[in-house]
Each structure stands twice: as C-alpha cells, then as structure tokens.
C-alpha cells in the first residue's frame, strides 16, 4: 500500500463513518479495516488532509452540547470529513 492509498484510507474512514473522531480513533478504525501503518503515519495524513481542506477539526467539548464548532488545526479537537461537517451544518 503506497502513500496515496494510505492517505485515501484515512479519509475513507472519516467519510464512511460520518462522525468526528480523535486521531487515535481514526488510526484504530484504519487498523480494523486492515491498515498496516502506524499512529504517527495517521497523524501525518490527517495534517495533510486538514491542509488540503478535505478534513476539518471540530471542538470536542462543543460536541457535548450537540454543536459542531470548527477549530484551528493547532488546537485540540476531533477530525471530521469536510463533506460530513457540511452536511450536518447546512
């Protein structure tokens, strides 16, 4: 599995789930689906996907109140596919 396939798998986990997840949960879901890459690789791909705008980061504490608030990539938060975020925030 090459880098573009691994990156696509990370994005697919988020798109198929439609939910916001911590980075470690994205990695665990990739592993369940057969991925052989490590957690730090997932972190790297999530950063790329954030930069490319395919993934957004949301505030985990706001989710407790059923809100989706986008946060800066440097802040702590949960990752979510942009397509799912846009669907929920129409």
Protein backbone atom coordinates (compact mmCIF):
# COMPACT_ATOMS: atom_id res chain seq x y z
CA UNK A 1 0.00 0.00 0.00
CA UNK A 2 1.56 3.26 -1.14
CA UNK A 3 1.29 6.68 0.49
CA UNK A 4 -1.66 7.82 -1.63
CA UNK A 5 -3.55 4.61 -0.76
CA UNK A 6 -2.87 5.08 2.95
CA UNK A 7 -3.99 8.69 2.82
CA UNK A 8 -7.15 7.66 0.94
CA UNK A 9 -7.87 5.04 3.61
CA UNK A 10 -7.63 7.66 6.38
CA UNK A 11 -10.06 9.90 4.51
CA UNK A 12 -12.39 6.98 3.74
CA UNK A 13 -12.66 6.10 7.43
CA UNK A 14 -13.88 9.62 8.18
CA UNK A 15 -16.17 9.85 5.17
CA UNK A 16 -17.75 6.44 5.69
CA UNK A 17 -18.32 6.98 9.40
CA UNK A 18 -19.73 10.49 9.02
CA UNK A 19 -18.67 11.29 12.59
CA UNK A 20 -15.94 13.28 14.30
CA UNK A 21 -13.13 11.21 15.82
CA UNK A 22 -9.95 11.74 17.76
CA UNK A 23 -6.82 10.99 15.77
CA UNK A 24 -6.20 7.78 17.69
CA UNK A 25 -9.71 6.59 16.85
CA UNK A 26 -9.14 7.26 13.16
CA UNK A 27 -5.98 5.15 13.39
CA UNK A 28 -7.79 2.35 15.24
CA UNK A 29 -10.54 2.28 12.63
CA UNK A 30 -7.93 2.12 9.87
CA UNK A 31 -6.31 -0.83 11.65
CA UNK A 32 -9.67 -2.62 11.95
CA UNK A 33 -10.00 -2.22 8.18
CA UNK A 34 -6.62 -3.87 7.60
CA UNK A 35 -4.19 -0.95 7.58
CA UNK A 36 -0.59 -1.78 8.46
CA UNK A 37 0.62 1.78 9.05
CA UNK A 38 1.21 3.28 12.47
CA UNK A 39 -0.46 6.01 14.50
CA UNK A 40 2.13 8.67 13.64
CA UNK A 41 1.50 8.00 9.93
CA UNK A 42 -2.20 8.59 10.50
CA UNK A 43 -1.37 11.84 12.27
CA UNK A 44 0.74 12.92 9.28
CA UNK A 45 -2.05 12.15 6.80
CA UNK A 46 -4.65 13.90 8.92
CA UNK A 47 -2.45 17.03 8.89
CA UNK A 48 -2.20 16.82 5.09
CA UNK A 49 -5.94 16.31 4.72
CA UNK A 50 -6.59 19.30 7.01
CA UNK A 51 -4.26 21.45 4.94
CA UNK A 52 -5.96 20.34 1.73
CA UNK A 53 -9.41 21.11 3.17
CA UNK A 54 -10.73 17.57 2.93
CA UNK A 55 -10.92 17.25 6.70
CA UNK A 56 -11.92 19.76 9.39
CA UNK A 57 -11.15 19.83 13.08
CA UNK A 58 -14.03 20.38 15.49
CA UNK A 59 -14.21 21.25 19.17
CA UNK A 60 -14.83 18.12 21.21
CA UNK A 61 -16.36 19.96 24.16
CA UNK A 62 -18.86 21.73 21.90
CA UNK A 63 -19.97 18.32 20.63
CA UNK A 64 -21.20 17.51 24.14
CA UNK A 65 -23.86 20.16 23.57
CA UNK A 66 -24.68 18.75 20.12
CA UNK A 67 -22.80 21.59 18.40
CA UNK A 68 -20.18 21.33 15.68
CA UNK A 69 -17.70 24.18 16.01
CA UNK A 70 -14.70 24.29 13.73
CA UNK A 71 -11.37 24.95 15.46
CA UNK A 72 -7.92 25.87 14.20
CA UNK A 73 -5.68 22.98 13.20
CA UNK A 74 -3.27 23.86 16.01
CA UNK A 75 -5.97 23.35 18.67
CA UNK A 76 -7.07 20.09 20.24
CA UNK A 77 -10.12 18.60 18.64
CA UNK A 78 -11.74 15.81 16.68
CA UNK A 79 -11.31 15.18 12.96
CA UNK A 80 -14.25 15.03 10.61
CA UNK A 81 -14.59 14.69 6.85
CA UNK A 82 -15.45 18.09 5.38
CA UNK A 83 -18.35 16.55 3.46
CA UNK A 84 -19.93 15.24 6.69
CA UNK A 85 -19.30 18.53 8.50
CA UNK A 86 -21.01 20.46 5.71
CA UNK A 87 -23.96 18.06 5.71
CA UNK A 88 -24.50 18.49 9.46
CA UNK A 89 -24.08 22.27 9.42
CA UNK A 90 -26.35 23.14 6.46
